[in-house]
Structure formats: structure tokens, C-alpha cells
Amino acid sequence: MKLDAEKYRHLARMLIHTRPVELSCEEWVGRVGAYAERVLADLPLCSELECVRQHIDLCPECAEEFQAILEAIREG
């Protein structure tokens, strides 16, 4: 696989934002409901939920799923 300049920039951004302790996608699923409720209520995040936001920033699949969750809650 050949990486172009944009892919190198993306990888560099991912490395910069990597934290010593991060959630896996499986752990994220267990916390995303509480995170979504706080986001929709425009409440500040507690430290336990900050890692959920960080995971969304780094994982495009979970970010897409999170948007779907928000839409479902809003429509519900």
C-alpha cells in the first residue's frame, strides 16, 4: 500500500491525538449512551466520558455510529 501526503498527515494527526489510555470500540459501546445524553442535554462531560469523545475523534466507524445514535434519539 502506497501512502500519499494526505494519508501521512492523517496518520500523524492520529498519533498526536493518541492517549496513554484509550477505549476500545467495545468499551466505547458501553459508554456511548451516557455520552449521547450529556451531549444532547448540552451538559459538561465528566472525566469518565471524556475518553468517549476522544475515541469518537480517533475512530471514524464509531463517529459514524455516534451520529446515527444522535439522529435516532432526536427522532425518537
PDB file of N, CA and C in Angstrom:
ATOM      1  N   MET A   1       0.845  -1.172   0.000  1.00  0.00           N
ATOM      2  CA  MET A   1       0.000   0.000   0.000  1.00  0.00           C
ATOM      3  C   MET A   1       0.893   1.239   0.000  1.00  0.00           C
ATOM      4  N   LYS A   2       0.645   2.101  -0.934  1.00  0.00           N
ATOM      5  CA  LYS A   2       1.411   3.336  -1.033  1.00  0.00           C
ATOM      6  C   LYS A   2       0.646   4.460  -0.329  1.00  0.00           C
ATOM      7  N   LEU A   3       1.347   5.187   0.510  1.00  0.00           N
ATOM      8  CA  LEU A   3       0.731   6.303   1.237  1.00  0.00           C
ATOM      9  C   LEU A   3       1.067   7.612   0.549  1.00  0.00           C
ATOM     10  N   ASP A   4       0.033   8.404   0.304  1.00  0.00           N
ATOM     11  CA  ASP A   4       0.267   9.731  -0.254  1.00  0.00           C
ATOM     12  C   ASP A   4       0.396  10.738   0.896  1.00  0.00           C
ATOM     13  N   ALA A   5       0.650  11.977   0.564  1.00  0.00           N
ATOM     14  CA  ALA A   5       0.885  13.016   1.581  1.00  0.00           C
ATOM     15  C   ALA A   5      -0.308  13.170   2.523  1.00  0.00           C
ATOM     16  N   GLU A   6      -1.513  13.081   1.995  1.00  0.00           N
ATOM     17  CA  GLU A   6      -2.701  13.242   2.834  1.00  0.00           C
ATOM     18  C   GLU A   6      -2.815  12.097   3.841  1.00  0.00           C
ATOM     19  N   LYS A   7      -2.504  10.890   3.434  1.00  0.00           N
ATOM     20  CA  LYS A   7      -2.564   9.754   4.356  1.00  0.00           C
ATOM     21  C   LYS A   7      -1.498   9.877   5.438  1.00  0.00           C
ATOM     22  N   TYR A   8      -0.316  10.384   5.075  1.00  0.00           N
ATOM     23  CA  TYR A   8       0.720  10.625   6.085  1.00  0.00           C
ATOM     24  C   TYR A   8       0.264  11.678   7.091  1.00  0.00           C
ATOM     25  N   ARG A   9      -0.372  12.743   6.614  1.00  0.00           N
ATOM     26  CA  ARG A   9      -0.878  13.778   7.521  1.00  0.00           C
ATOM     27  C   ARG A   9      -1.930  13.198   8.461  1.00  0.00           C
ATOM     28  N   HIS A  10      -2.811  12.368   7.910  1.00  0.00           N
ATOM     29  CA  HIS A  10      -3.851  11.744   8.736  1.00  0.00           C
ATOM     30  C   HIS A  10      -3.212  10.857   9.812  1.00  0.00           C
ATOM     31  N   LEU A  11      -2.251  10.055   9.437  1.00  0.00           N
ATOM     32  CA  LEU A  11      -1.567   9.206  10.418  1.00  0.00           C
ATOM     33  C   LEU A  11      -0.867  10.034  11.492  1.00  0.00           C
ATOM     34  N   ALA A  12      -0.243  11.118  11.093  1.00  0.00           N
ATOM     35  CA  ALA A  12       0.434  11.989  12.057  1.00  0.00           C
ATOM     36  C   ALA A  12      -0.570  12.585  13.042  1.00  0.00           C
ATOM     37  N   ARG A  13      -1.740  13.029  12.539  1.00  0.00           N
ATOM     38  CA  ARG A  13      -2.777  13.573  13.434  1.00  0.00           C
ATOM     39  C   ARG A  13      -3.247  12.510  14.416  1.00  0.00           C
ATOM     40  N   MET A  14      -3.414  11.293  13.931  1.00  0.00           N
ATOM     41  CA  MET A  14      -3.855  10.208  14.802  1.00  0.00           C
ATOM     42  C   MET A  14      -2.825   9.942  15.902  1.00  0.00           C
ATOM     43  N   LEU A  15      -1.560   9.942  15.549  1.00  0.00           N
ATOM     44  CA  LEU A  15      -0.509   9.710  16.543  1.00  0.00           C
ATOM     45  C   LEU A  15      -0.462  10.816  17.580  1.00  0.00           C
ATOM     46  N   ILE A  16      -0.626  12.044  17.137  1.00  0.00           N
ATOM     47  CA  ILE A  16      -0.596  13.186  18.055  1.00  0.00           C
ATOM     48  C   ILE A  16      -1.732  13.097  19.068  1.00  0.00           C
ATOM     49  N   HIS A  17      -2.893  12.634  18.625  1.00  0.00           N
ATOM     50  CA  HIS A  17      -4.069  12.589  19.496  1.00  0.00           C
ATOM     51  C   HIS A  17      -4.180  11.305  20.312  1.00  0.00           C
ATOM     52  N   THR A  18      -3.265  10.384  20.115  1.00  0.00           N
ATOM     53  CA  THR A  18      -3.293   9.136  20.869  1.00  0.00           C
ATOM     54  C   THR A  18      -2.964   9.403  22.339  1.00  0.00           C
ATOM     55  N   ARG A  19      -3.735   8.799  23.203  1.00  0.00           N
ATOM     56  CA  ARG A  19      -3.567   8.943  24.651  1.00  0.00           C
ATOM     57  C   ARG A  19      -2.992   7.650  25.224  1.00  0.00           C
ATOM     58  N   PRO A  20      -2.345   7.731  26.392  1.00  0.00           N
ATOM     59  CA  PRO A  20      -1.805   6.514  27.013  1.00  0.00           C
ATOM     60  C   PRO A  20      -2.877   5.461  27.302  1.00  0.00           C
ATOM     61  N   VAL A  21      -4.067   5.914  27.679  1.00  0.00           N
ATOM     62  CA  VAL A  21      -5.172   5.008  27.951  1.00  0.00           C
ATOM     63  C   VAL A  21      -6.332   5.409  27.042  1.00  0.00           C
ATOM     64  N   GLU A  22      -6.758   4.480  26.218  1.00  0.00           N
ATOM     65  CA  GLU A  22      -7.852   4.758  25.303  1.00  0.00           C
ATOM     66  C   GLU A  22      -8.884   3.649  25.373  1.00  0.00           C
ATOM     67  N   LEU A  23     -10.099   3.983  24.971  1.00  0.00           N
ATOM     68  CA  LEU A  23     -11.160   2.995  24.916  1.00  0.00           C
ATOM     69  C   LEU A  23     -11.048   2.174  23.645  1.00  0.00           C
ATOM     70  N   SER A  24     -11.388   0.922  23.750  1.00  0.00           N
ATOM     71  CA  SER A  24     -11.567   0.113  22.544  1.00  0.00           C
ATOM     72  C   SER A  24     -12.979   0.395  22.030  1.00  0.00           C
ATOM     73  N   CYS A  25     -13.260  -0.046  20.839  1.00  0.00           N
ATOM     74  CA  CYS A  25     -14.612   0.133  20.296  1.00  0.00           C
ATOM     75  C   CYS A  25     -15.639  -0.582  21.173  1.00  0.00           C
ATOM     76  N   GLU A  26     -15.288  -1.737  21.711  1.00  0.00           N
ATOM     77  CA  GLU A  26     -16.204  -2.472  22.577  1.00  0.00           C
ATOM     78  C   GLU A  26     -16.496  -1.706  23.867  1.00  0.00           C
ATOM     79  N   GLU A  27     -15.476  -1.098  24.445  1.00  0.00           N
ATOM     80  CA  GLU A  27     -15.672  -0.296  25.658  1.00  0.00           C
ATOM     81  C   GLU A  27     -16.488   0.952  25.341  1.00  0.00           C
ATOM     82  N   TRP A  28     -16.265   1.521  24.175  1.00  0.00           N
ATOM     83  CA  TRP A  28     -16.968   2.722  23.741  1.00  0.00           C
ATOM     84  C   TRP A  28     -18.465   2.472  23.694  1.00  0.00           C
ATOM     85  N   VAL A  29     -18.857   1.309  23.155  1.00  0.00           N
ATOM     86  CA  VAL A  29     -20.277   0.972  23.030  1.00  0.00           C
ATOM     87  C   VAL A  29     -20.965   1.003  24.394  1.00  0.00           C
ATOM     88  N   GLY A  30     -20.279   0.570  25.422  1.00  0.00           N
ATOM     89  CA  GLY A  30     -20.864   0.549  26.757  1.00  0.00           C
ATOM     90  C   GLY A  30     -21.052   1.922  27.374  1.00  0.00           C
ATOM     91  N   ARG A  31     -20.405   2.935  26.834  1.00  0.00           N
ATOM     92  CA  ARG A  31     -20.478   4.279  27.427  1.00  0.00           C
ATOM     93  C   ARG A  31     -21.133   5.318  26.522  1.00  0.00           C
ATOM     94  N   VAL A  32     -21.360   4.972  25.274  1.00  0.00           N
ATOM     95  CA  VAL A  32     -21.825   5.983  24.323  1.00  0.00           C
ATOM     96  C   VAL A  32     -23.230   6.500  24.652  1.00  0.00           C
ATOM     97  N   GLY A  33     -24.070   5.680  25.270  1.00  0.00           N
ATOM     98  CA  GLY A  33     -25.415   6.139  25.626  1.00  0.00           C
ATOM     99  C   GLY A  33     -25.383   7.296  26.605  1.00  0.00           C
ATOM    100  N   ALA A  34     -24.601   7.163  27.658  1.00  0.00           N
ATOM    101  CA  ALA A  34     -24.469   8.237  28.651  1.00  0.00           C
ATOM    102  C   ALA A  34     -23.839   9.470  28.020  1.00  0.00           C
ATOM    103  N   TYR A  35     -22.871   9.242  27.137  1.00  0.00           N
ATOM    104  CA  TYR A  35     -22.219  10.363  26.450  1.00  0.00           C
ATOM    105  C   TYR A  35     -23.237  11.111  25.575  1.00  0.00           C
ATOM    106  N   ALA A  36     -24.030  10.373  24.817  1.00  0.00           N
ATOM    107  CA  ALA A  36     -25.023  10.991  23.926  1.00  0.00           C
ATOM    108  C   ALA A  36     -26.032  11.817  24.726  1.00  0.00           C
ATOM    109  N   GLU A  37     -26.478  11.298  25.852  1.00  0.00           N
ATOM    110  CA  GLU A  37     -27.436  12.030  26.685  1.00  0.00           C
ATOM    111  C   GLU A  37     -26.854  13.366  27.144  1.00  0.00           C
ATOM    112  N   ARG A  38     -25.590  13.368  27.540  1.00  0.00           N
ATOM    113  CA  ARG A  38     -24.965  14.618  28.010  1.00  0.00           C
ATOM    114  C   ARG A  38     -24.759  15.583  26.860  1.00  0.00           C
ATOM    115  N   VAL A  39     -24.381  15.068  25.701  1.00  0.00           N
ATOM    116  CA  VAL A  39     -24.198  15.931  24.533  1.00  0.00           C
ATOM    117  C   VAL A  39     -25.518  16.580  24.146  1.00  0.00           C
ATOM    118  N   LEU A  40     -26.580  15.784  24.070  1.00  0.00           N
ATOM    119  CA  LEU A  40     -27.886  16.323  23.679  1.00  0.00           C
ATOM    120  C   LEU A  40     -28.450  17.291  24.711  1.00  0.00           C
ATOM    121  N   ALA A  41     -28.123  17.085  25.976  1.00  0.00           N
ATOM    122  CA  ALA A  41     -28.581  17.993  27.036  1.00  0.00           C
ATOM    123  C   ALA A  41     -27.642  19.190  27.194  1.00  0.00           C
ATOM    124  N   ASP A  42     -26.585  19.216  26.395  1.00  0.00           N
ATOM    125  CA  ASP A  42     -25.582  20.281  26.442  1.00  0.00           C
ATOM    126  C   ASP A  42     -24.972  20.420  27.838  1.00  0.00           C
ATOM    127  N   LEU A  43     -24.681  19.266  28.444  1.00  0.00           N
ATOM    128  CA  LEU A  43     -24.065  19.230  29.767  1.00  0.00           C
ATOM    129  C   LEU A  43     -22.566  18.979  29.629  1.00  0.00           C
ATOM    130  N   PRO A  44     -21.786  19.465  30.576  1.00  0.00           N
ATOM    131  CA  PRO A  44     -20.345  19.204  30.519  1.00  0.00           C
ATOM    132  C   PRO A  44     -20.063  17.710  30.711  1.00  0.00           C
ATOM    133  N   LEU A  45     -18.944  17.286  30.153  1.00  0.00           N
ATOM    134  CA  LEU A  45     -18.552  15.878  30.270  1.00  0.00           C
ATOM    135  C   LEU A  45     -17.763  15.649  31.545  1.00  0.00           C
ATOM    136  N   CYS A  46     -18.069  14.559  32.227  1.00  0.00           N
ATOM    137  CA  CYS A  46     -17.243  14.156  33.349  1.00  0.00           C
ATOM    138  C   CYS A  46     -15.997  13.477  32.786  1.00  0.00           C
ATOM    139  N   SER A  47     -15.006  13.281  33.599  1.00  0.00           N
ATOM    140  CA  SER A  47     -13.753  12.699  33.120  1.00  0.00           C
ATOM    141  C   SER A  47     -13.959  11.296  32.560  1.00  0.00           C
ATOM    142  N   GLU A  48     -14.916  10.542  33.085  1.00  0.00           N
ATOM    143  CA  GLU A  48     -15.190   9.199  32.576  1.00  0.00           C
ATOM    144  C   GLU A  48     -15.703   9.216  31.142  1.00  0.00           C
ATOM    145  N   LEU A  49     -16.387  10.288  30.773  1.00  0.00           N
ATOM    146  CA  LEU A  49     -16.949  10.364  29.426  1.00  0.00           C
ATOM    147  C   LEU A  49     -16.051  11.113  28.449  1.00  0.00           C
ATOM    148  N   GLU A  50     -15.054  11.782  28.946  1.00  0.00           N
ATOM    149  CA  GLU A  50     -14.113  12.473  28.062  1.00  0.00           C
ATOM    150  C   GLU A  50     -13.417  11.476  27.132  1.00  0.00           C
ATOM    151  N   CYS A  51     -13.145  10.281  27.623  1.00  0.00           N
ATOM    152  CA  CYS A  51     -12.491   9.272  26.795  1.00  0.00           C
ATOM    153  C   CYS A  51     -13.409   8.813  25.659  1.00  0.00           C
ATOM    154  N   VAL A  52     -14.732   8.914  25.850  1.00  0.00           N
ATOM    155  CA  VAL A  52     -15.673   8.574  24.784  1.00  0.00           C
ATOM    156  C   VAL A  52     -15.523   9.580  23.645  1.00  0.00           C
ATOM    157  N   ARG A  53     -15.443  10.862  23.995  1.00  0.00           N
ATOM    158  CA  ARG A  53     -15.253  11.898  22.977  1.00  0.00           C
ATOM    159  C   ARG A  53     -13.940  11.684  22.241  1.00  0.00           C
ATOM    160  N   GLN A  54     -12.894  11.369  22.970  1.00  0.00           N
ATOM    161  CA  GLN A  54     -11.592  11.142  22.348  1.00  0.00           C
ATOM    162  C   GLN A  54     -11.648   9.959  21.387  1.00  0.00           C
ATOM    163  N   HIS A  55     -12.372   8.917  21.757  1.00  0.00           N
ATOM    164  CA  HIS A  55     -12.495   7.759  20.875  1.00  0.00           C
ATOM    165  C   HIS A  55     -13.220   8.155  19.590  1.00  0.00           C
ATOM    166  N   ILE A  56     -14.269   8.933  19.707  1.00  0.00           N
ATOM    167  CA  ILE A  56     -15.008   9.385  18.526  1.00  0.00           C
ATOM    168  C   ILE A  56     -14.105  10.201  17.612  1.00  0.00           C
ATOM    169  N   ASP A  57     -13.237  11.011  18.196  1.00  0.00           N
ATOM    170  CA  ASP A  57     -12.310  11.816  17.399  1.00  0.00           C
ATOM    171  C   ASP A  57     -11.329  10.959  16.609  1.00  0.00           C
ATOM    172  N   LEU A  58     -11.010   9.772  17.131  1.00  0.00           N
ATOM    173  CA  LEU A  58      -9.996   8.930  16.502  1.00  0.00           C
ATOM    174  C   LEU A  58     -10.554   7.784  15.667  1.00  0.00           C
ATOM    175  N   CYS A  59     -11.792   7.419  15.874  1.00  0.00           N
ATOM    176  CA  CYS A  59     -12.350   6.231  15.218  1.00  0.00           C
ATOM    177  C   CYS A  59     -13.493   6.631  14.280  1.00  0.00           C
ATOM    178  N   PRO A  60     -13.246   6.648  12.985  1.00  0.00           N
ATOM    179  CA  PRO A  60     -14.298   7.067  12.053  1.00  0.00           C
ATOM    180  C   PRO A  60     -15.548   6.171  12.093  1.00  0.00           C
ATOM    181  N   GLU A  61     -15.373   4.882  12.336  1.00  0.00           N
ATOM    182  CA  GLU A  61     -16.528   3.985  12.377  1.00  0.00           C
ATOM    183  C   GLU A  61     -17.433   4.313  13.568  1.00  0.00           C
ATOM    184  N   CYS A  62     -16.828   4.531  14.724  1.00  0.00           N
ATOM    185  CA  CYS A  62     -17.620   4.869  15.908  1.00  0.00           C
ATOM    186  C   CYS A  62     -18.198   6.282  15.794  1.00  0.00           C
ATOM    187  N   ALA A  63     -17.480   7.180  15.158  1.00  0.00           N
ATOM    188  CA  ALA A  63     -18.002   8.535  14.944  1.00  0.00           C
ATOM    189  C   ALA A  63     -19.260   8.482  14.081  1.00  0.00           C
ATOM    190  N   GLU A  64     -19.232   7.642  13.054  1.00  0.00           N
ATOM    191  CA  GLU A  64     -20.406   7.483  12.188  1.00  0.00           C
ATOM    192  C   GLU A  64     -21.565   6.868  12.963  1.00  0.00           C
ATOM    193  N   GLU A  65     -21.258   5.876  13.770  1.00  0.00           N
ATOM    194  CA  GLU A  65     -22.298   5.242  14.585  1.00  0.00           C
ATOM    195  C   GLU A  65     -22.868   6.232  15.601  1.00  0.00           C
ATOM    196  N   PHE A  66     -22.003   7.064  16.175  1.00  0.00           N
ATOM    197  CA  PHE A  66     -22.469   8.054  17.137  1.00  0.00           C
ATOM    198  C   PHE A  66     -23.444   9.027  16.483  1.00  0.00           C
ATOM    199  N   GLN A  67     -23.150   9.468  15.274  1.00  0.00           N
ATOM    200  CA  GLN A  67     -24.070  10.368  14.569  1.00  0.00           C
ATOM    201  C   GLN A  67     -25.419   9.694  14.349  1.00  0.00           C
ATOM    202  N   ALA A  68     -25.401   8.415  14.013  1.00  0.00           N
ATOM    203  CA  ALA A  68     -26.648   7.666  13.831  1.00  0.00           C
ATOM    204  C   ALA A  68     -27.423   7.564  15.146  1.00  0.00           C
ATOM    205  N   ILE A  69     -26.706   7.368  16.242  1.00  0.00           N
ATOM    206  CA  ILE A  69     -27.349   7.303  17.559  1.00  0.00           C
ATOM    207  C   ILE A  69     -28.013   8.631  17.887  1.00  0.00           C
ATOM    208  N   LEU A  70     -27.307   9.728  17.656  1.00  0.00           N
ATOM    209  CA  LEU A  70     -27.878  11.053  17.918  1.00  0.00           C
ATOM    210  C   LEU A  70     -29.131  11.279  17.095  1.00  0.00           C
ATOM    211  N   GLU A  71     -29.084  10.918  15.814  1.00  0.00           N
ATOM    212  CA  GLU A  71     -30.259  11.089  14.952  1.00  0.00           C
ATOM    213  C   GLU A  71     -31.433  10.253  15.452  1.00  0.00           C
ATOM    214  N   ALA A  72     -31.155   9.020  15.866  1.00  0.00           N
ATOM    215  CA  ALA A  72     -32.222   8.146  16.361  1.00  0.00           C
ATOM    216  C   ALA A  72     -32.848   8.711  17.634  1.00  0.00           C
ATOM    217  N   ILE A  73     -32.026   9.226  18.519  1.00  0.00           N
ATOM    218  CA  ILE A  73     -32.557   9.815  19.759  1.00  0.00           C
ATOM    219  C   ILE A  73     -33.390  11.050  19.444  1.00  0.00           C
ATOM    220  N   ARG A  74     -32.910  11.884  18.556  1.00  0.00           N
ATOM    221  CA  ARG A  74     -33.656  13.107  18.199  1.00  0.00           C
ATOM    222  C   ARG A  74     -34.985  12.780  17.552  1.00  0.00           C
ATOM    223  N   GLU A  75     -35.028  11.730  16.742  1.00  0.00           N
ATOM    224  CA  GLU A  75     -36.266  11.346  16.058  1.00  0.00           C
ATOM    225  C   GLU A  75     -37.240  10.617  16.979  1.00  0.00           C
ATOM    226  N   GLY A  76     -36.667   9.982  18.037  1.00  0.00           N
ATOM    227  CA  GLY A  76     -37.429   9.111  18.930  1.00  0.00           C
ATOM    228  C   GLY A  76     -38.504   9.783  19.655  1.00  0.00           C
TER     229      GLY A  76
END
